[in-house]
Amino acid sequence: MRAILNAVLPAVILAAAVPAGAAGFGLSSPTIKPGSMLTDAQVFKGFGCEGKNISPALKWSGAPAGTKSFAVTVYDPDAPTGSGWWHWVVFNIPASATELAEGAGAADGKGLPAGAVQSRTDFGVPGFGGACPPPGDKPHRYIFTVHALKTDKLDLAPDSSAALVGFMINANRLGKASFEAKYGRGK
């Protein structure tokens, strides 16, 4: 029994350390280091915030076999809404894409790969909406995620809600890769 445990236990520990569906699939940003604080470039301009509202550059690699498209989301689970806050929702990114350039989340979508769709965020419009937590809140977490999908297209309208897009992403996801950054502002 001890010999079996000695042989199996290291494999179990290693498997537990790698999230399901994420083995080898990674997301990074030359603009933002995971765990760091967002800069004014990624802060919303409006709602009392005075940032530049520029989406960061994102790069991914190691997508699961069978990936036919990607989606990118940015989500704040700490927003005082009861359901978090969707800051960016992009889908129908071609499987050949491995990155989004800084500023690709502009409202006009001109910096996105052909065919990609930016859906409505919780700001009520498409495009990247930067961080803007309430004054005095602890720093909020912003989760940047790329989703590898088993379909080449989500058949959704550009003004679909983030919840509807999220449902379709989850129904078609082969894997995902994420990193988190934070942002807070004084009183």
N, C-alpha and C. Protein backbone atom coordinates (compact mmCIF):
# COMPACT_ATOMS: atom_id res chain seq x y z
N MET A 1 0.82 -1.19 0.00
CA MET A 1 0.00 0.00 0.00
C MET A 1 0.87 1.26 0.00
N ARG A 2 1.90 1.26 0.84
CA ARG A 2 2.80 2.42 0.92
C ARG A 2 3.47 2.66 -0.43
N ALA A 3 3.88 1.60 -1.12
CA ALA A 3 4.53 1.73 -2.42
C ALA A 3 3.58 2.37 -3.43
N ILE A 4 2.30 1.99 -3.37
CA ILE A 4 1.31 2.57 -4.29
C ILE A 4 1.14 4.06 -3.98
N LEU A 5 1.01 4.41 -2.71
CA LEU A 5 0.88 5.82 -2.33
C LEU A 5 2.09 6.63 -2.76
N ASN A 6 3.29 6.08 -2.56
CA ASN A 6 4.51 6.78 -2.96
C ASN A 6 4.57 7.00 -4.47
N ALA A 7 4.00 6.08 -5.22
CA ALA A 7 4.00 6.21 -6.67
C ALA A 7 2.89 7.13 -7.17
N VAL A 8 1.74 7.10 -6.53
CA VAL A 8 0.57 7.84 -7.00
C VAL A 8 0.50 9.26 -6.44
N LEU A 9 0.89 9.46 -5.20
CA LEU A 9 0.74 10.75 -4.54
C LEU A 9 1.40 11.91 -5.29
N PRO A 10 2.64 11.78 -5.76
CA PRO A 10 3.23 12.91 -6.51
C PRO A 10 2.42 13.29 -7.75
N ALA A 11 1.87 12.31 -8.44
CA ALA A 11 1.05 12.59 -9.64
C ALA A 11 -0.23 13.31 -9.26
N VAL A 12 -0.85 12.91 -8.15
CA VAL A 12 -2.07 13.55 -7.69
C VAL A 12 -1.80 15.01 -7.31
N ILE A 13 -0.70 15.25 -6.60
CA ILE A 13 -0.34 16.61 -6.20
C ILE A 13 -0.08 17.47 -7.43
N LEU A 14 0.65 16.94 -8.40
CA LEU A 14 0.93 17.68 -9.62
C LEU A 14 -0.36 17.99 -10.39
N ALA A 15 -1.25 17.02 -10.50
CA ALA A 15 -2.52 17.22 -11.21
C ALA A 15 -3.36 18.28 -10.51
N ALA A 16 -3.35 18.32 -9.21
CA ALA A 16 -4.13 19.30 -8.46
C ALA A 16 -3.58 20.71 -8.64
N ALA A 17 -2.30 20.83 -8.94
CA ALA A 17 -1.68 22.15 -9.09
C ALA A 17 -2.00 22.78 -10.44
N VAL A 18 -2.44 21.99 -11.42
CA VAL A 18 -2.74 22.50 -12.75
C VAL A 18 -4.25 22.53 -12.92
N PRO A 19 -4.85 23.73 -13.11
CA PRO A 19 -6.29 23.80 -13.27
C PRO A 19 -6.77 22.97 -14.46
N ALA A 20 -7.95 22.38 -14.33
CA ALA A 20 -8.53 21.57 -15.40
C ALA A 20 -8.64 22.37 -16.68
N GLY A 21 -8.22 21.80 -17.78
CA GLY A 21 -8.33 22.44 -19.08
C GLY A 21 -7.31 23.52 -19.32
N ALA A 22 -6.42 23.78 -18.36
CA ALA A 22 -5.49 24.89 -18.51
C ALA A 22 -4.05 24.42 -18.72
N ALA A 23 -3.79 23.14 -18.71
CA ALA A 23 -2.42 22.64 -18.85
C ALA A 23 -1.81 23.18 -20.14
N GLY A 24 -0.80 24.01 -20.02
CA GLY A 24 -0.12 24.56 -21.18
C GLY A 24 -0.77 25.78 -21.79
N PHE A 25 -1.99 26.08 -21.46
CA PHE A 25 -2.70 27.24 -22.00
C PHE A 25 -2.41 28.42 -21.09
N GLY A 26 -1.81 29.46 -21.63
CA GLY A 26 -1.41 30.59 -20.80
C GLY A 26 -1.79 31.92 -21.39
N LEU A 27 -2.01 32.89 -20.51
CA LEU A 27 -2.33 34.27 -20.88
C LEU A 27 -1.34 35.18 -20.19
N SER A 28 -0.82 36.15 -20.94
CA SER A 28 0.09 37.13 -20.36
C SER A 28 -0.18 38.50 -20.99
N SER A 29 0.48 39.50 -20.43
CA SER A 29 0.34 40.85 -20.96
C SER A 29 1.66 41.58 -20.81
N PRO A 30 2.14 42.19 -21.90
CA PRO A 30 3.33 43.02 -21.76
C PRO A 30 3.00 44.35 -21.06
N THR A 31 1.71 44.63 -20.92
CA THR A 31 1.24 45.88 -20.31
C THR A 31 1.03 45.75 -18.81
N ILE A 32 0.55 44.57 -18.36
CA ILE A 32 0.17 44.37 -16.96
C ILE A 32 0.85 43.11 -16.43
N LYS A 33 1.47 43.21 -15.29
CA LYS A 33 2.03 42.03 -14.64
C LYS A 33 0.94 41.42 -13.75
N PRO A 34 0.78 40.08 -13.77
CA PRO A 34 -0.22 39.45 -12.90
C PRO A 34 0.00 39.85 -11.44
N GLY A 35 -1.09 40.18 -10.77
CA GLY A 35 -1.05 40.57 -9.37
C GLY A 35 -0.70 42.03 -9.13
N SER A 36 -0.37 42.76 -10.19
CA SER A 36 0.03 44.16 -10.03
C SER A 36 -1.19 45.08 -9.97
N MET A 37 -0.93 46.34 -9.72
CA MET A 37 -1.97 47.37 -9.75
C MET A 37 -2.07 47.90 -11.18
N LEU A 38 -3.29 48.10 -11.65
CA LEU A 38 -3.51 48.71 -12.96
C LEU A 38 -3.02 50.15 -12.94
N THR A 39 -2.62 50.65 -14.09
CA THR A 39 -2.18 52.04 -14.20
C THR A 39 -3.34 52.90 -14.71
N ASP A 40 -3.15 54.20 -14.75
CA ASP A 40 -4.17 55.12 -15.27
C ASP A 40 -4.59 54.77 -16.69
N ALA A 41 -3.71 54.11 -17.44
CA ALA A 41 -4.05 53.72 -18.81
C ALA A 41 -5.25 52.78 -18.84
N GLN A 42 -5.38 51.90 -17.84
CA GLN A 42 -6.47 50.92 -17.82
C GLN A 42 -7.64 51.35 -16.93
N VAL A 43 -7.66 52.61 -16.52
CA VAL A 43 -8.74 53.13 -15.68
C VAL A 43 -9.77 53.83 -16.56
N PHE A 44 -11.04 53.64 -16.23
CA PHE A 44 -12.16 54.22 -16.97
C PHE A 44 -12.12 55.74 -16.95
N LYS A 45 -12.65 56.36 -17.98
CA LYS A 45 -12.82 57.81 -18.01
C LYS A 45 -14.32 58.07 -17.92
N GLY A 46 -14.79 58.39 -16.72
CA GLY A 46 -16.20 58.58 -16.45
C GLY A 46 -16.54 58.00 -15.10
N PHE A 47 -17.77 58.16 -14.65
CA PHE A 47 -18.20 57.64 -13.35
C PHE A 47 -17.33 58.19 -12.22
N GLY A 48 -16.72 59.35 -12.42
CA GLY A 48 -15.84 59.93 -11.42
C GLY A 48 -14.39 59.52 -11.55
N CYS A 49 -14.07 58.67 -12.51
CA CYS A 49 -12.69 58.24 -12.75
C CYS A 49 -12.12 59.04 -13.92
N GLU A 50 -10.82 59.27 -13.88
CA GLU A 50 -10.16 60.09 -14.91
C GLU A 50 -9.03 59.37 -15.61
N GLY A 51 -9.23 58.09 -15.95
CA GLY A 51 -8.19 57.32 -16.62
C GLY A 51 -8.22 57.50 -18.13
N LYS A 52 -7.38 56.75 -18.80
CA LYS A 52 -7.28 56.81 -20.27
C LYS A 52 -8.15 55.76 -20.96
N ASN A 53 -8.63 54.76 -20.20
CA ASN A 53 -9.54 53.73 -20.72
C ASN A 53 -8.97 52.99 -21.93
N ILE A 54 -7.73 52.54 -21.82
CA ILE A 54 -7.07 51.82 -22.91
C ILE A 54 -6.94 50.35 -22.51
N SER A 55 -7.45 49.47 -23.36
CA SER A 55 -7.31 48.03 -23.08
C SER A 55 -5.84 47.63 -23.17
N PRO A 56 -5.42 46.73 -22.29
CA PRO A 56 -4.02 46.30 -22.32
C PRO A 56 -3.76 45.32 -23.45
N ALA A 57 -2.50 45.18 -23.82
CA ALA A 57 -2.10 44.14 -24.77
C ALA A 57 -2.23 42.80 -24.06
N LEU A 58 -2.74 41.80 -24.75
CA LEU A 58 -2.89 40.45 -24.22
C LEU A 58 -2.30 39.46 -25.21
N LYS A 59 -1.59 38.43 -24.69
CA LYS A 59 -1.01 37.39 -25.53
C LYS A 59 -1.31 36.04 -24.91
N TRP A 60 -1.62 35.07 -25.75
CA TRP A 60 -1.89 33.72 -25.25
C TRP A 60 -1.20 32.68 -26.12
N SER A 61 -1.00 31.52 -25.52
CA SER A 61 -0.37 30.40 -26.24
C SER A 61 -0.81 29.09 -25.60
N GLY A 62 -0.58 28.01 -26.33
CA GLY A 62 -0.89 26.68 -25.81
C GLY A 62 -2.36 26.34 -25.76
N ALA A 63 -3.15 26.88 -26.69
CA ALA A 63 -4.59 26.60 -26.70
C ALA A 63 -4.84 25.10 -26.86
N PRO A 64 -5.93 24.62 -26.25
CA PRO A 64 -6.25 23.19 -26.35
C PRO A 64 -6.51 22.76 -27.81
N ALA A 65 -6.23 21.51 -28.09
CA ALA A 65 -6.53 20.94 -29.41
C ALA A 65 -8.03 21.10 -29.69
N GLY A 66 -8.37 21.42 -30.92
CA GLY A 66 -9.76 21.57 -31.30
C GLY A 66 -10.30 22.98 -31.14
N THR A 67 -9.45 23.92 -30.70
CA THR A 67 -9.89 25.30 -30.55
C THR A 67 -10.24 25.88 -31.91
N LYS A 68 -11.47 26.43 -32.02
CA LYS A 68 -11.92 27.02 -33.28
C LYS A 68 -12.09 28.53 -33.20
N SER A 69 -12.13 29.07 -31.98
CA SER A 69 -12.17 30.52 -31.79
C SER A 69 -11.84 30.82 -30.34
N PHE A 70 -11.71 32.12 -30.06
CA PHE A 70 -11.42 32.57 -28.70
C PHE A 70 -12.42 33.65 -28.30
N ALA A 71 -12.54 33.82 -27.00
CA ALA A 71 -13.26 34.96 -26.43
C ALA A 71 -12.36 35.52 -25.33
N VAL A 72 -12.48 36.81 -25.09
CA VAL A 72 -11.73 37.48 -24.02
C VAL A 72 -12.72 38.21 -23.14
N THR A 73 -12.55 38.07 -21.83
CA THR A 73 -13.40 38.78 -20.89
C THR A 73 -12.53 39.43 -19.81
N VAL A 74 -13.05 40.54 -19.28
CA VAL A 74 -12.45 41.18 -18.10
C VAL A 74 -13.60 41.39 -17.12
N TYR A 75 -13.41 40.87 -15.92
CA TYR A 75 -14.49 40.83 -14.93
C TYR A 75 -13.98 41.28 -13.56
N ASP A 76 -14.79 42.07 -12.87
CA ASP A 76 -14.52 42.52 -11.50
C ASP A 76 -15.52 41.84 -10.57
N PRO A 77 -15.08 40.81 -9.83
CA PRO A 77 -16.01 40.12 -8.92
C PRO A 77 -16.31 40.91 -7.66
N ASP A 78 -15.57 42.00 -7.42
CA ASP A 78 -15.72 42.77 -6.19
C ASP A 78 -16.67 43.97 -6.32
N ALA A 79 -17.19 44.21 -7.51
CA ALA A 79 -18.11 45.34 -7.71
C ALA A 79 -19.32 45.17 -6.81
N PRO A 80 -19.78 46.24 -6.19
CA PRO A 80 -20.90 46.14 -5.24
C PRO A 80 -22.26 46.07 -5.93
N THR A 81 -22.43 45.05 -6.77
CA THR A 81 -23.68 44.89 -7.52
C THR A 81 -24.44 43.63 -7.16
N GLY A 82 -23.77 42.71 -6.51
CA GLY A 82 -24.34 41.40 -6.26
C GLY A 82 -24.02 40.42 -7.37
N SER A 83 -23.54 40.92 -8.50
CA SER A 83 -23.20 40.04 -9.62
C SER A 83 -21.88 40.41 -10.29
N GLY A 84 -21.09 41.26 -9.66
CA GLY A 84 -19.82 41.67 -10.27
C GLY A 84 -20.04 42.68 -11.38
N TRP A 85 -18.99 42.91 -12.17
CA TRP A 85 -19.04 43.91 -13.25
C TRP A 85 -18.20 43.43 -14.42
N TRP A 86 -18.81 43.39 -15.61
CA TRP A 86 -18.12 43.00 -16.84
C TRP A 86 -17.53 44.24 -17.49
N HIS A 87 -16.21 44.27 -17.63
CA HIS A 87 -15.48 45.41 -18.19
C HIS A 87 -15.13 45.25 -19.66
N TRP A 88 -15.12 44.01 -20.14
CA TRP A 88 -14.81 43.79 -21.56
C TRP A 88 -15.28 42.41 -21.94
N VAL A 89 -15.96 42.32 -23.06
CA VAL A 89 -16.46 41.04 -23.58
C VAL A 89 -16.23 41.04 -25.09
N VAL A 90 -15.34 40.15 -25.54
CA VAL A 90 -15.02 40.02 -26.97
C VAL A 90 -15.16 38.56 -27.35
N PHE A 91 -15.84 38.28 -28.45
CA PHE A 91 -15.99 36.90 -28.91
C PHE A 91 -15.81 36.83 -30.41
N ASN A 92 -15.79 35.61 -30.94
CA ASN A 92 -15.54 35.33 -32.36
C ASN A 92 -14.15 35.79 -32.80
N ILE A 93 -13.19 35.69 -31.89
CA ILE A 93 -11.79 35.95 -32.23
C ILE A 93 -11.29 34.70 -32.96
N PRO A 94 -10.75 34.85 -34.17
CA PRO A 94 -10.34 33.67 -34.94
C PRO A 94 -9.31 32.81 -34.20
N ALA A 95 -9.34 31.51 -34.46
CA ALA A 95 -8.42 30.57 -33.83
C ALA A 95 -6.96 30.87 -34.18
N SER A 96 -6.73 31.57 -35.28
CA SER A 96 -5.36 31.91 -35.68
C SER A 96 -4.77 33.05 -34.83
N ALA A 97 -5.61 33.76 -34.09
CA ALA A 97 -5.13 34.88 -33.28
C ALA A 97 -4.43 34.38 -32.02
N THR A 98 -3.38 35.07 -31.63
CA THR A 98 -2.65 34.73 -30.40
C THR A 98 -2.45 35.96 -29.53
N GLU A 99 -3.04 37.08 -29.93
CA GLU A 99 -2.88 38.29 -29.14
C GLU A 99 -3.89 39.36 -29.55
N LEU A 100 -4.08 40.31 -28.64
CA LEU A 100 -4.81 41.53 -28.92
C LEU A 100 -3.86 42.68 -28.57
N ALA A 101 -3.73 43.62 -29.47
CA ALA A 101 -2.82 44.74 -29.25
C ALA A 101 -3.38 45.70 -28.20
N GLU A 102 -2.51 46.45 -27.56
CA GLU A 102 -2.96 47.49 -26.64
C GLU A 102 -3.89 48.43 -27.40
N GLY A 103 -5.01 48.77 -26.81
CA GLY A 103 -5.97 49.66 -27.44
C GLY A 103 -6.97 48.95 -28.35
N ALA A 104 -6.87 47.63 -28.48
CA ALA A 104 -7.79 46.89 -29.36
C ALA A 104 -9.23 47.01 -28.88
N GLY A 105 -9.44 47.34 -27.62
CA GLY A 105 -10.78 47.45 -27.07
C GLY A 105 -11.45 48.79 -27.28
N ALA A 106 -10.91 49.62 -28.17
CA ALA A 106 -11.57 50.89 -28.49
C ALA A 106 -12.99 50.60 -28.97
N ALA A 107 -13.90 51.52 -28.73
CA ALA A 107 -15.31 51.32 -29.06
C ALA A 107 -15.54 50.96 -30.53
N ASP A 108 -14.70 51.48 -31.43
CA ASP A 108 -14.90 51.20 -32.86
C ASP A 108 -14.45 49.80 -33.26
N GLY A 109 -13.69 49.12 -32.40
CA GLY A 109 -13.27 47.75 -32.67
C GLY A 109 -12.26 47.59 -33.79
N LYS A 110 -11.72 48.69 -34.30
CA LYS A 110 -10.81 48.62 -35.45
C LYS A 110 -9.52 47.85 -35.15
N GLY A 111 -9.13 47.76 -33.87
CA GLY A 111 -7.90 47.07 -33.52
C GLY A 111 -8.07 45.58 -33.29
N LEU A 112 -9.29 45.08 -33.47
CA LEU A 112 -9.57 43.65 -33.26
C LEU A 112 -9.36 42.85 -34.54
N PRO A 113 -9.09 41.55 -34.43
CA PRO A 113 -9.00 40.72 -35.63
C PRO A 113 -10.34 40.72 -36.39
N ALA A 114 -10.27 40.52 -37.69
CA ALA A 114 -11.48 40.48 -38.52
C ALA A 114 -12.46 39.45 -37.97
N GLY A 115 -13.71 39.83 -37.86
CA GLY A 115 -14.77 38.94 -37.40
C GLY A 115 -15.03 38.98 -35.90
N ALA A 116 -14.09 39.52 -35.12
CA ALA A 116 -14.28 39.60 -33.68
C ALA A 116 -15.37 40.61 -33.34
N VAL A 117 -16.12 40.31 -32.28
CA VAL A 117 -17.25 41.15 -31.86
C VAL A 117 -17.05 41.56 -30.41
N GLN A 118 -17.17 42.86 -30.15
CA GLN A 118 -17.19 43.36 -28.78
C GLN A 118 -18.65 43.53 -28.38
N SER A 119 -19.03 42.88 -27.31
CA SER A 119 -20.40 42.95 -26.85
C SER A 119 -20.54 44.03 -25.77
N ARG A 120 -21.77 44.25 -25.37
CA ARG A 120 -22.09 45.26 -24.36
C ARG A 120 -21.49 44.87 -23.01
N THR A 121 -20.85 45.82 -22.37
CA THR A 121 -20.30 45.63 -21.03
C THR A 121 -21.32 46.15 -20.02
N ASP A 122 -20.98 46.09 -18.75
CA ASP A 122 -21.89 46.63 -17.74
C ASP A 122 -21.90 48.16 -17.71
N PHE A 123 -21.05 48.79 -18.52
CA PHE A 123 -21.15 50.24 -18.72
C PHE A 123 -22.26 50.55 -19.73
N GLY A 124 -22.82 49.51 -20.38
CA GLY A 124 -23.93 49.68 -21.30
C GLY A 124 -23.54 49.81 -22.75
N VAL A 125 -22.25 49.77 -23.04
CA VAL A 125 -21.77 49.93 -24.41
C VAL A 125 -20.69 48.89 -24.70
N PRO A 126 -20.42 48.63 -25.99
CA PRO A 126 -19.33 47.71 -26.31
C PRO A 126 -17.97 48.38 -26.14
N GLY A 127 -16.94 47.57 -26.09
CA GLY A 127 -15.57 48.08 -25.96
C GLY A 127 -15.07 47.94 -24.54
N PHE A 128 -13.78 48.15 -24.39
CA PHE A 128 -13.15 48.04 -23.08
C PHE A 128 -13.61 49.18 -22.19
N GLY A 129 -14.02 48.83 -20.98
CA GLY A 129 -14.34 49.81 -19.95
C GLY A 129 -13.41 49.58 -18.78
N GLY A 130 -12.53 50.51 -18.53
CA GLY A 130 -11.50 50.33 -17.52
C GLY A 130 -12.02 50.27 -16.09
N ALA A 131 -11.08 50.05 -15.19
CA ALA A 131 -11.38 49.96 -13.76
C ALA A 131 -11.92 51.28 -13.22
N CYS A 132 -12.90 51.20 -12.32
CA CYS A 132 -13.46 52.40 -11.69
C CYS A 132 -14.25 51.99 -10.45
N PRO A 133 -13.56 51.43 -9.45
CA PRO A 133 -14.28 51.02 -8.24
C PRO A 133 -14.75 52.24 -7.45
N PRO A 134 -15.74 52.08 -6.58
CA PRO A 134 -16.18 53.21 -5.76
C PRO A 134 -15.04 53.74 -4.89
N PRO A 135 -15.02 55.05 -4.67
CA PRO A 135 -13.98 55.62 -3.79
C PRO A 135 -14.05 54.99 -2.40
N GLY A 136 -12.88 54.68 -1.85
CA GLY A 136 -12.81 54.14 -0.51
C GLY A 136 -12.94 52.64 -0.41
N ASP A 137 -13.38 51.95 -1.48
CA ASP A 137 -13.43 50.48 -1.47
C ASP A 137 -12.01 49.94 -1.43
N LYS A 138 -11.86 48.74 -0.89
CA LYS A 138 -10.56 48.06 -0.99
C LYS A 138 -10.28 47.87 -2.48
N PRO A 139 -9.02 47.70 -2.88
CA PRO A 139 -8.75 47.47 -4.30
C PRO A 139 -9.55 46.29 -4.84
N HIS A 140 -10.15 46.50 -5.99
CA HIS A 140 -10.93 45.45 -6.65
C HIS A 140 -10.01 44.57 -7.48
N ARG A 141 -10.44 43.32 -7.70
CA ARG A 141 -9.72 42.39 -8.55
C ARG A 141 -10.31 42.46 -9.97
N TYR A 142 -9.43 42.48 -10.95
CA TYR A 142 -9.83 42.48 -12.35
C TYR A 142 -9.26 41.22 -12.98
N ILE A 143 -10.16 40.32 -13.41
CA ILE A 143 -9.74 39.02 -13.93
C ILE A 143 -9.80 39.06 -15.45
N PHE A 144 -8.62 38.96 -16.06
CA PHE A 144 -8.47 38.94 -17.51
C PHE A 144 -8.42 37.48 -17.92
N THR A 145 -9.31 37.07 -18.84
CA THR A 145 -9.41 35.66 -19.24
C THR A 145 -9.53 35.52 -20.74
N VAL A 146 -8.79 34.57 -21.29
CA VAL A 146 -8.99 34.15 -22.67
C VAL A 146 -9.62 32.77 -22.60
N HIS A 147 -10.66 32.57 -23.39
CA HIS A 147 -11.40 31.31 -23.43
C HIS A 147 -11.19 30.68 -24.80
N ALA A 148 -10.77 29.41 -24.82
CA ALA A 148 -10.66 28.65 -26.06
C ALA A 148 -11.99 27.95 -26.28
N LEU A 149 -12.57 28.15 -27.46
CA LEU A 149 -13.91 27.63 -27.74
C LEU A 149 -13.90 26.55 -28.82
N LYS A 150 -14.86 25.64 -28.72
CA LYS A 150 -14.97 24.53 -29.69
C LYS A 150 -15.82 24.89 -30.90
N THR A 151 -16.24 26.12 -31.01
CA THR A 151 -17.03 26.59 -32.15
C THR A 151 -16.32 27.78 -32.78
N ASP A 152 -16.47 27.92 -34.10
CA ASP A 152 -15.80 29.04 -34.76
C ASP A 152 -16.56 30.35 -34.59
N LYS A 153 -17.81 30.26 -34.14
CA LYS A 153 -18.60 31.49 -34.02
C LYS A 153 -19.70 31.30 -32.98
N LEU A 154 -19.84 32.31 -32.11
CA LEU A 154 -21.01 32.38 -31.23
C LEU A 154 -22.02 33.22 -31.97
N ASP A 155 -23.17 32.67 -32.25
CA ASP A 155 -24.19 33.36 -33.04
C ASP A 155 -24.99 34.28 -32.12
N LEU A 156 -24.37 35.41 -31.78
CA LEU A 156 -24.96 36.38 -30.87
C LEU A 156 -24.90 37.78 -31.48
N ALA A 157 -25.85 38.60 -31.11
CA ALA A 157 -25.87 39.99 -31.57
C ALA A 157 -24.78 40.79 -30.85
N PRO A 158 -24.25 41.81 -31.51
CA PRO A 158 -23.22 42.64 -30.88
C PRO A 158 -23.68 43.31 -29.58
N ASP A 159 -24.98 43.50 -29.41
CA ASP A 159 -25.46 44.14 -28.18
C ASP A 159 -25.93 43.13 -27.13
N SER A 160 -25.52 41.87 -27.29
CA SER A 160 -25.88 40.84 -26.30
C SER A 160 -25.29 41.21 -24.95
N SER A 161 -26.02 40.84 -23.89
CA SER A 161 -25.53 41.12 -22.55
C SER A 161 -24.32 40.24 -22.24
N ALA A 162 -23.50 40.70 -21.30
CA ALA A 162 -22.34 39.92 -20.89
C ALA A 162 -22.76 38.58 -20.31
N ALA A 163 -23.90 38.53 -19.62
CA ALA A 163 -24.39 37.27 -19.05
C ALA A 163 -24.72 36.27 -20.16
N LEU A 164 -25.36 36.72 -21.23
CA LEU A 164 -25.69 35.82 -22.34
C LEU A 164 -24.42 35.34 -23.03
N VAL A 165 -23.49 36.25 -23.28
CA VAL A 165 -22.23 35.85 -23.91
C VAL A 165 -21.50 34.86 -22.99
N GLY A 166 -21.49 35.14 -21.69
CA GLY A 166 -20.85 34.23 -20.74
C GLY A 166 -21.46 32.85 -20.76
N PHE A 167 -22.78 32.77 -20.86
CA PHE A 167 -23.46 31.48 -20.95
C PHE A 167 -22.97 30.70 -22.17
N MET A 168 -22.90 31.39 -23.31
CA MET A 168 -22.47 30.73 -24.55
C MET A 168 -20.99 30.36 -24.51
N ILE A 169 -20.17 31.19 -23.89
CA ILE A 169 -18.76 30.86 -23.72
C ILE A 169 -18.63 29.58 -22.90
N ASN A 170 -19.32 29.53 -21.76
CA ASN A 170 -19.23 28.36 -20.89
C ASN A 170 -19.75 27.09 -21.57
N ALA A 171 -20.76 27.23 -22.42
CA ALA A 171 -21.32 26.07 -23.12
C ALA A 171 -20.37 25.53 -24.20
N ASN A 172 -19.42 26.36 -24.64
CA ASN A 172 -18.54 25.99 -25.75
C ASN A 172 -17.06 25.99 -25.40
N ARG A 173 -16.73 26.13 -24.14
CA ARG A 173 -15.33 26.30 -23.73
C ARG A 173 -14.58 24.97 -23.66
N LEU A 174 -13.38 24.97 -24.25
CA LEU A 174 -12.46 23.84 -24.16
C LEU A 174 -11.44 24.08 -23.04
N GLY A 175 -11.15 25.33 -22.77
CA GLY A 175 -10.17 25.68 -21.74
C GLY A 175 -10.14 27.17 -21.56
N LYS A 176 -9.48 27.62 -20.49
CA LYS A 176 -9.34 29.05 -20.26
C LYS A 176 -8.03 29.31 -19.56
N ALA A 177 -7.54 30.53 -19.72
CA ALA A 177 -6.33 30.97 -19.04
C ALA A 177 -6.59 32.39 -18.54
N SER A 178 -6.18 32.66 -17.30
CA SER A 178 -6.49 33.95 -16.68
C SER A 178 -5.30 34.50 -15.91
N PHE A 179 -5.35 35.80 -15.66
CA PHE A 179 -4.51 36.42 -14.66
C PHE A 179 -5.32 37.54 -14.03
N GLU A 180 -4.88 37.99 -12.88
CA GLU A 180 -5.61 38.99 -12.09
C GLU A 180 -4.72 40.20 -11.83
N ALA A 181 -5.31 41.38 -11.89
CA ALA A 181 -4.65 42.62 -11.48
C ALA A 181 -5.64 43.35 -10.57
N LYS A 182 -5.17 44.40 -9.89
CA LYS A 182 -6.02 45.10 -8.93
C LYS A 182 -6.03 46.60 -9.21
N TYR A 183 -7.05 47.26 -8.66
CA TYR A 183 -7.09 48.72 -8.70
C TYR A 183 -8.04 49.22 -7.62
N GLY A 184 -7.63 50.26 -6.95
CA GLY A 184 -8.47 50.92 -5.95
C GLY A 184 -8.22 52.41 -6.00
N ARG A 185 -9.12 53.18 -5.44
CA ARG A 185 -8.91 54.63 -5.37
C ARG A 185 -9.35 55.14 -4.00
N GLY A 186 -8.70 56.19 -3.58
CA GLY A 186 -8.96 56.75 -2.26
C GLY A 186 -10.36 57.32 -2.14
N LYS A 187 -10.64 57.83 -0.96
CA LYS A 187 -11.97 58.38 -0.67
C LYS A 187 -12.21 59.68 -1.36
